[in-house]
C-alpha atoms as a PDB file:
ATOM      1  CA  THR A   1       0.093   0.162   0.128  1.00  0.00           C
ATOM      2  CA  ASP A   2       1.504   3.196  -1.031  1.00  0.00           C
ATOM      3  CA  VAL A   3       0.355   7.124  -1.245  1.00  0.00           C
ATOM      4  CA  TYR A   4      -1.149   8.203  -4.785  1.00  0.00           C
ATOM      5  CA  VAL A   5      -2.754  11.533  -5.756  1.00  0.00           C
ATOM      6  CA  ILE A   6      -5.152  11.717  -8.508  1.00  0.00           C
ATOM      7  CA  PRO A   7      -6.906  14.937  -9.811  1.00  0.00           C
ATOM      8  CA  VAL A   8     -10.587  15.419  -8.652  1.00  0.00           C
ATOM      9  CA  GLY A   9     -11.490  15.337 -12.159  1.00  0.00           C
ATOM     10  CA  GLY A  10     -10.120  12.112 -12.803  1.00  0.00           C
ATOM     11  CA  GLY A  11      -6.775  11.192 -14.519  1.00  0.00           C
ATOM     12  CA  ILE A  12      -3.920   8.906 -14.347  1.00  0.00           C
ATOM     13  CA  PRO A  13      -2.794   8.463 -10.570  1.00  0.00           C
ATOM     14  CA  LYS A  14       0.730   9.674  -9.436  1.00  0.00           C
ATOM     15  CA  ARG A  15       2.517   7.428  -6.846  1.00  0.00           C
ATOM     16  CA  LEU A  16       4.481   9.326  -4.246  1.00  0.00           C
ATOM     17  CA  THR A  17       5.731   6.431  -1.928  1.00  0.00           C
ATOM     18  CA  TRP A  18       7.657   3.587  -2.914  1.00  0.00           C
ATOM     19  CA  HIS A  19       8.101   1.583   0.389  1.00  0.00           C
ATOM     20  CA  PRO A  20       7.420  -2.264   0.927  1.00  0.00           C
ATOM     21  CA  GLY A  21       5.694  -1.412   4.251  1.00  0.00           C
ATOM     22  CA  ALA A  22       2.087  -0.159   4.279  1.00  0.00           C
ATOM     23  CA  ASP A  23       1.709   3.553   4.017  1.00  0.00           C
ATOM     24  CA  GLY A  24      -1.917   4.939   4.699  1.00  0.00           C
ATOM     25  CA  VAL A  25      -3.026   8.391   4.147  1.00  0.00           C
ATOM     26  CA  ARG A  26      -4.144  10.385   7.072  1.00  0.00           C
ATOM     27  CA  ASP A  27      -4.574  14.009   5.906  1.00  0.00           C
ATOM     28  CA  TRP A  28      -3.726  16.800   3.668  1.00  0.00           C
ATOM     29  CA  HIS A  29      -1.068  19.276   4.997  1.00  0.00           C
ATOM     30  CA  PRO A  30      -2.895  22.770   5.033  1.00  0.00           C
ATOM     31  CA  ASP A  31      -0.069  24.086   2.748  1.00  0.00           C
ATOM     32  CA  GLY A  32      -1.806  21.640  -0.108  1.00  0.00           C
ATOM     33  CA  LYS A  33       1.469  20.675  -1.164  1.00  0.00           C
ATOM     34  CA  ARG A  34       2.192  17.599   1.269  1.00  0.00           C
ATOM     35  CA  ILE A  35       0.479  14.462   2.361  1.00  0.00           C
ATOM     36  CA  LEU A  36       0.376  13.210   5.934  1.00  0.00           C
ATOM     37  CA  PHE A  37       0.599   9.309   6.086  1.00  0.00           C
ATOM     38  CA  ALA A  38       1.256   6.722   8.613  1.00  0.00           C
ATOM     39  CA  SER A  39       3.649   3.785   8.080  1.00  0.00           C
ATOM     40  CA  ASN A  40       5.770   1.210  10.007  1.00  0.00           C
ATOM     41  CA  ARG A  41       8.671   1.821   7.624  1.00  0.00           C
ATOM     42  CA  GLN A  42      11.167   2.629  10.620  1.00  0.00           C
ATOM     43  CA  GLY A  43      12.015  -0.307  12.536  1.00  0.00           C
ATOM     44  CA  GLY A  44       9.528  -2.777  10.919  1.00  0.00           C
ATOM     45  CA  ALA A  45       7.271  -2.858  14.120  1.00  0.00           C
ATOM     46  CA  PRO A  46       3.878  -2.968  13.824  1.00  0.00           C
ATOM     47  CA  VAL A  47       3.434   0.506  15.296  1.00  0.00           C
ATOM     48  CA  ALA A  48       3.105   3.094  12.629  1.00  0.00           C
ATOM     49  CA  ARG A  49       4.572   6.685  12.654  1.00  0.00           C
ATOM     50  CA  LEU A  50       3.509   9.782  10.615  1.00  0.00           C
ATOM     51  CA  PHE A  51       5.620  11.142   7.659  1.00  0.00           C
ATOM     52  CA  LEU A  52       4.815  14.027   5.255  1.00  0.00           C
ATOM     53  CA  VAL A  53       5.569  13.416   1.763  1.00  0.00           C
ATOM     54  CA  GLY A  54       5.445  16.260  -1.026  1.00  0.00           C
ATOM     55  CA  LEU A  55       3.608  16.167  -4.226  1.00  0.00           C
ATOM     56  CA  ASP A  56       7.200  15.457  -5.921  1.00  0.00           C
ATOM     57  CA  GLY A  57       7.298  12.360  -4.328  1.00  0.00           C
ATOM     58  CA  LEU A  58      10.672  12.656  -2.901  1.00  0.00           C
ATOM     59  CA  LEU A  59      12.069  11.720   0.580  1.00  0.00           C
ATOM     60  CA  ALA A  60       9.372  11.488   3.227  1.00  0.00           C
ATOM     61  CA  GLU A  61       9.719  13.563   6.417  1.00  0.00           C
ATOM     62  CA  PRO A  62       9.203  11.890   9.764  1.00  0.00           C
ATOM     63  CA  LEU A  63       7.111  13.674  12.316  1.00  0.00           C
ATOM     64  CA  ALA A  64       8.202  13.497  16.211  1.00  0.00           C
ATOM     65  CA  ILE A  65       5.200  11.631  17.135  1.00  0.00           C
ATOM     66  CA  PRO A  66       6.521   8.058  18.126  1.00  0.00           C
ATOM     67  CA  LYS A  67       3.258   5.862  17.309  1.00  0.00           C
ATOM     68  CA  VAL A  68      -0.027   6.878  15.786  1.00  0.00           C
ATOM     69  CA  PHE A  69      -3.093   5.461  13.927  1.00  0.00           C
ATOM     70  CA  HIS A  70      -5.665   8.411  12.892  1.00  0.00           C
ATOM     71  CA  ALA A  71      -4.246  11.837  12.400  1.00  0.00           C
ATOM     72  CA  ALA A  72      -5.236  15.103  11.166  1.00  0.00           C
ATOM     73  CA  PHE A  73      -3.693  18.640  11.191  1.00  0.00           C
ATOM     74  CA  ASN A  74      -5.481  21.966  12.213  1.00  0.00           C
ATOM     75  CA  ALA A  75      -5.828  24.603   9.926  1.00  0.00           C
ATOM     76  CA  ASP A  76      -2.412  26.242  10.236  1.00  0.00           C
ATOM     77  CA  ALA A  77      -0.517  22.952  10.930  1.00  0.00           C
ATOM     78  CA  SER A  78       0.430  24.083  14.520  1.00  0.00           C
ATOM     79  CA  ARG A  79      -1.277  21.171  15.817  1.00  0.00           C
ATOM     80  CA  VAL A  80      -1.890  17.391  15.106  1.00  0.00           C
ATOM     81  CA  ALA A  81      -4.698  15.514  16.770  1.00  0.00           C
ATOM     82  CA  TYR A  82      -4.219  11.838  16.557  1.00  0.00           C
ATOM     83  CA  THR A  83      -4.827   8.525  18.247  1.00  0.00           C
ATOM     84  CA  PRO A  84      -1.645   6.818  19.577  1.00  0.00           C
ATOM     85  CA  VAL A  85      -2.888   3.183  19.079  1.00  0.00           C
ATOM     86  CA  PRO A  86      -4.969   1.459  16.534  1.00  0.00           C
ATOM     87  CA  ASP A  87      -8.871   1.117  16.931  1.00  0.00           C
ATOM     88  CA  ALA A  88      -9.129  -2.198  18.889  1.00  0.00           C
ATOM     89  CA  PHE A  89     -12.011  -3.441  16.708  1.00  0.00           C
ATOM     90  CA  ARG A  90     -13.804  -2.011  13.891  1.00  0.00           C
ATOM     91  CA  THR A  91     -17.100  -3.585  14.437  1.00  0.00           C
ATOM     92  CA  TRP A  92     -17.334  -4.439  17.943  1.00  0.00           C
ATOM     93  CA  LYS A  93     -19.742  -2.320  20.160  1.00  0.00           C
ATOM     94  CA  ARG A  94     -19.059  -0.801  23.530  1.00  0.00           C
ATOM     95  CA  TYR A  95     -15.565  -2.387  23.899  1.00  0.00           C
ATOM     96  CA  ARG A  96     -13.889  -1.363  27.013  1.00  0.00           C
ATOM     97  CA  GLY A  97     -10.895  -3.369  27.271  1.00  0.00           C
ATOM     98  CA  GLY A  98      -7.128  -2.311  27.456  1.00  0.00           C
ATOM     99  CA  ARG A  99      -7.363  -0.922  23.725  1.00  0.00           C
ATOM    100  CA  THR A 100      -9.638   1.750  24.161  1.00  0.00           C
ATOM    101  CA  THR A 101      -7.722   4.640  22.510  1.00  0.00           C
ATOM    102  CA  PRO A 102      -7.754   8.155  23.643  1.00  0.00           C
ATOM    103  CA  VAL A 103      -7.376  11.141  21.155  1.00  0.00           C
ATOM    104  CA  TRP A 104      -4.290  13.441  21.898  1.00  0.00           C
ATOM    105  CA  ILE A 105      -3.414  17.004  20.527  1.00  0.00           C
ATOM    106  CA  TYR A 106       0.490  17.193  19.707  1.00  0.00           C
ATOM    107  CA  ASP A 107       2.146  20.491  19.308  1.00  0.00           C
ATOM    108  CA  PRO A 108       5.045  20.250  16.550  1.00  0.00           C
ATOM    109  CA  ALA A 109       6.823  23.448  17.914  1.00  0.00           C
ATOM    110  CA  THR A 110       7.180  22.386  21.612  1.00  0.00           C
ATOM    111  CA  HIS A 111       6.308  18.486  21.367  1.00  0.00           C
ATOM    112  CA  GLU A 112       3.747  18.958  24.168  1.00  0.00           C
ATOM    113  CA  VAL A 113       0.719  16.769  24.105  1.00  0.00           C
ATOM    114  CA  GLU A 114      -2.661  17.622  25.233  1.00  0.00           C
ATOM    115  CA  GLN A 115      -5.090  14.507  25.915  1.00  0.00           C
ATOM    116  CA  ILE A 116      -8.825  15.161  25.265  1.00  0.00           C
ATOM    117  CA  PRO A 117     -10.513  14.055  28.426  1.00  0.00           C
ATOM    118  CA  HIS A 118     -10.943  10.177  28.089  1.00  0.00           C
ATOM    119  CA  VAL A 119     -12.982   7.733  29.728  1.00  0.00           C
ATOM    120  CA  ASN A 120     -12.900   3.843  29.204  1.00  0.00           C
ATOM    121  CA  ALA A 121     -14.304   4.218  25.807  1.00  0.00           C
ATOM    122  CA  THR A 122     -13.184   4.214  21.807  1.00  0.00           C
ATOM    123  CA  ASP A 123     -12.313   7.690  20.748  1.00  0.00           C
ATOM    124  CA  THR A 124     -11.648   7.537  17.115  1.00  0.00           C
ATOM    125  CA  PHE A 125     -11.518   9.563  13.811  1.00  0.00           C
ATOM    126  CA  PRO A 126     -10.187  12.807  15.100  1.00  0.00           C
ATOM    127  CA  CYS A 127     -10.311  15.877  12.765  1.00  0.00           C
ATOM    128  CA  TRP A 128     -10.382  19.611  12.997  1.00  0.00           C
ATOM    129  CA  LEU A 129     -12.786  22.183  12.277  1.00  0.00           C
ATOM    130  CA  ASN A 130     -12.820  25.950  13.388  1.00  0.00           C
ATOM    131  CA  GLY A 131     -10.198  25.416  15.978  1.00  0.00           C
ATOM    132  CA  ASP A 132     -12.092  22.307  17.762  1.00  0.00           C
ATOM    133  CA  VAL A 133     -11.128  18.858  17.591  1.00  0.00           C
ATOM    134  CA  TYR A 134     -14.139  16.479  16.275  1.00  0.00           C
ATOM    135  CA  PHE A 135     -14.203  12.803  17.052  1.00  0.00           C
ATOM    136  CA  ALA A 136     -16.336   9.871  17.213  1.00  0.00           C
ATOM    137  CA  SER A 137     -16.939   8.086  20.606  1.00  0.00           C
ATOM    138  CA  ASP A 138     -18.882   5.625  22.117  1.00  0.00           C
ATOM    139  CA  ARG A 139     -18.545   6.923  25.724  1.00  0.00           C
ATOM    140  CA  ASP A 140     -22.431   7.252  25.804  1.00  0.00           C
ATOM    141  CA  GLY A 141     -22.984   3.413  24.730  1.00  0.00           C
ATOM    142  CA  HIS A 142     -23.234   4.406  21.152  1.00  0.00           C
ATOM    143  CA  MET A 143     -20.673   6.035  18.572  1.00  0.00           C
ATOM    144  CA  ASN A 144     -21.613   9.628  18.208  1.00  0.00           C
ATOM    145  CA  VAL A 145     -19.716  12.777  17.246  1.00  0.00           C
ATOM    146  CA  TRP A 146     -18.126  14.638  20.092  1.00  0.00           C
ATOM    147  CA  ARG A 147     -16.242  18.082  20.064  1.00  0.00           C
ATOM    148  CA  PHE A 148     -13.324  19.428  22.206  1.00  0.00           C
ATOM    149  CA  THR A 149     -12.045  22.729  22.412  1.00  0.00           C
ATOM    150  CA  PRO A 150      -8.410  22.711  23.406  1.00  0.00           C
ATOM    151  CA  GLY A 151      -7.920  23.762  26.876  1.00  0.00           C
ATOM    152  CA  ALA A 152     -11.524  22.942  27.817  1.00  0.00           C
ATOM    153  CA  LYS A 153     -12.273  20.418  30.896  1.00  0.00           C
ATOM    154  CA  GLU A 154     -14.300  18.099  28.989  1.00  0.00           C
ATOM    155  CA  ALA A 155     -15.685  17.126  25.661  1.00  0.00           C
ATOM    156  CA  VAL A 156     -19.298  18.006  24.401  1.00  0.00           C
ATOM    157  CA  GLN A 157     -21.611  15.615  22.736  1.00  0.00           C
ATOM    158  CA  VAL A 158     -22.771  16.614  19.272  1.00  0.00           C
ATOM    159  CA  THR A 159     -24.910  13.847  18.053  1.00  0.00           C
ATOM    160  CA  ARG A 160     -27.061  11.445  20.101  1.00  0.00           C
ATOM    161  CA  PHE A 161     -27.932   8.659  17.755  1.00  0.00           C
ATOM    162  CA  ALA A 162     -29.226   5.549  19.743  1.00  0.00           C
ATOM    163  CA  ASP A 163     -29.661   3.030  17.013  1.00  0.00           C
ATOM    164  CA  PHE A 164     -26.385   2.872  14.297  1.00  0.00           C
ATOM    165  CA  ASP A 165     -23.116   4.075  15.206  1.00  0.00           C
ATOM    166  CA  VAL A 166     -21.323   6.823  13.407  1.00  0.00           C
ATOM    167  CA  ARG A 167     -18.683   5.786  11.194  1.00  0.00           C
ATOM    168  CA  ASN A 168     -15.808   7.281   9.172  1.00  0.00           C
ATOM    169  CA  LEU A 169     -15.679  10.790  10.389  1.00  0.00           C
ATOM    170  CA  ALA A 170     -14.115  13.614   8.469  1.00  0.00           C
ATOM    171  CA  ALA A 171     -14.099  17.544   8.115  1.00  0.00           C
ATOM    172  CA  GLY A 172     -13.650  19.735   5.248  1.00  0.00           C
ATOM    173  CA  GLY A 173     -15.463  22.555   3.600  1.00  0.00           C
ATOM    174  CA  GLY A 174     -16.679  23.957   7.005  1.00  0.00           C
ATOM    175  CA  VAL A 175     -18.739  20.904   7.528  1.00  0.00           C
ATOM    176  CA  LEU A 176     -18.212  17.221   9.232  1.00  0.00           C
ATOM    177  CA  ALA A 177     -19.172  14.418   6.714  1.00  0.00           C
ATOM    178  CA  PHE A 178     -19.823  11.013   8.607  1.00  0.00           C
ATOM    179  CA  GLU A 179     -21.579   7.643   8.137  1.00  0.00           C
ATOM    180  CA  GLN A 180     -24.535   6.622  10.157  1.00  0.00           C
ATOM    181  CA  ALA A 181     -27.256   4.354   9.383  1.00  0.00           C
ATOM    182  CA  GLY A 182     -25.967   3.591   5.918  1.00  0.00           C
ATOM    183  CA  ALA A 183     -26.288   7.299   5.117  1.00  0.00           C
ATOM    184  CA  ILE A 184     -23.736   9.827   4.628  1.00  0.00           C
ATOM    185  CA  HIS A 185     -24.515  12.926   6.684  1.00  0.00           C
ATOM    186  CA  LEU A 186     -23.163  16.455   6.577  1.00  0.00           C
ATOM    187  CA  TYR A 187     -23.164  18.496  10.032  1.00  0.00           C
ATOM    188  CA  ASP A 188     -22.833  22.290   9.911  1.00  0.00           C
ATOM    189  CA  PRO A 189     -21.644  23.478  13.217  1.00  0.00           C
ATOM    190  CA  ALA A 190     -22.490  27.313  12.502  1.00  0.00           C
ATOM    191  CA  ARG A 191     -25.868  26.223  11.824  1.00  0.00           C
ATOM    192  CA  ASN A 192     -25.655  23.078  14.648  1.00  0.00           C
ATOM    193  CA  GLU A 193     -27.878  21.144  11.957  1.00  0.00           C
ATOM    194  CA  PHE A 194     -27.341  18.001   9.611  1.00  0.00           C
END
């Protein structure tokens, strides 16, 4: 698995990485010229690290985060929200074992990490929108969307689905996109509606 880019309008994919290990895309750098990806290419361990690769496909630059699974930049690349370990199980509900992953916020300038207040639940798919970190969590018994403002004391629940879990959360264009009950939903935080 390697990193590729392709024009939105279609065309021939351009390969950016050439490593025998798996490289998984996580985010675009806000400058639009680099791609953030996770790979276990250093050390061969099952633990992945973050790298940036330019659209020229030259040497990938490692970030200082020692282990990562999901990751996303804020708007000016001054912070990275990430999960330090892989999701324990993609389809198990209400898992409460030793691999319930938190979401952490990393500052590349100071190397400080702020942990989003965590309970024994799965927090996953962190993404940034308007300076806040949004993530999916089953801390209320069902996987819903939550919001955390850096520096706050606690996360705030955004959606309250009690039937089907939220899946595959992402942000862009001023809205959140996620899957729930087999449909793709867009959530506009400015209007608090979806």
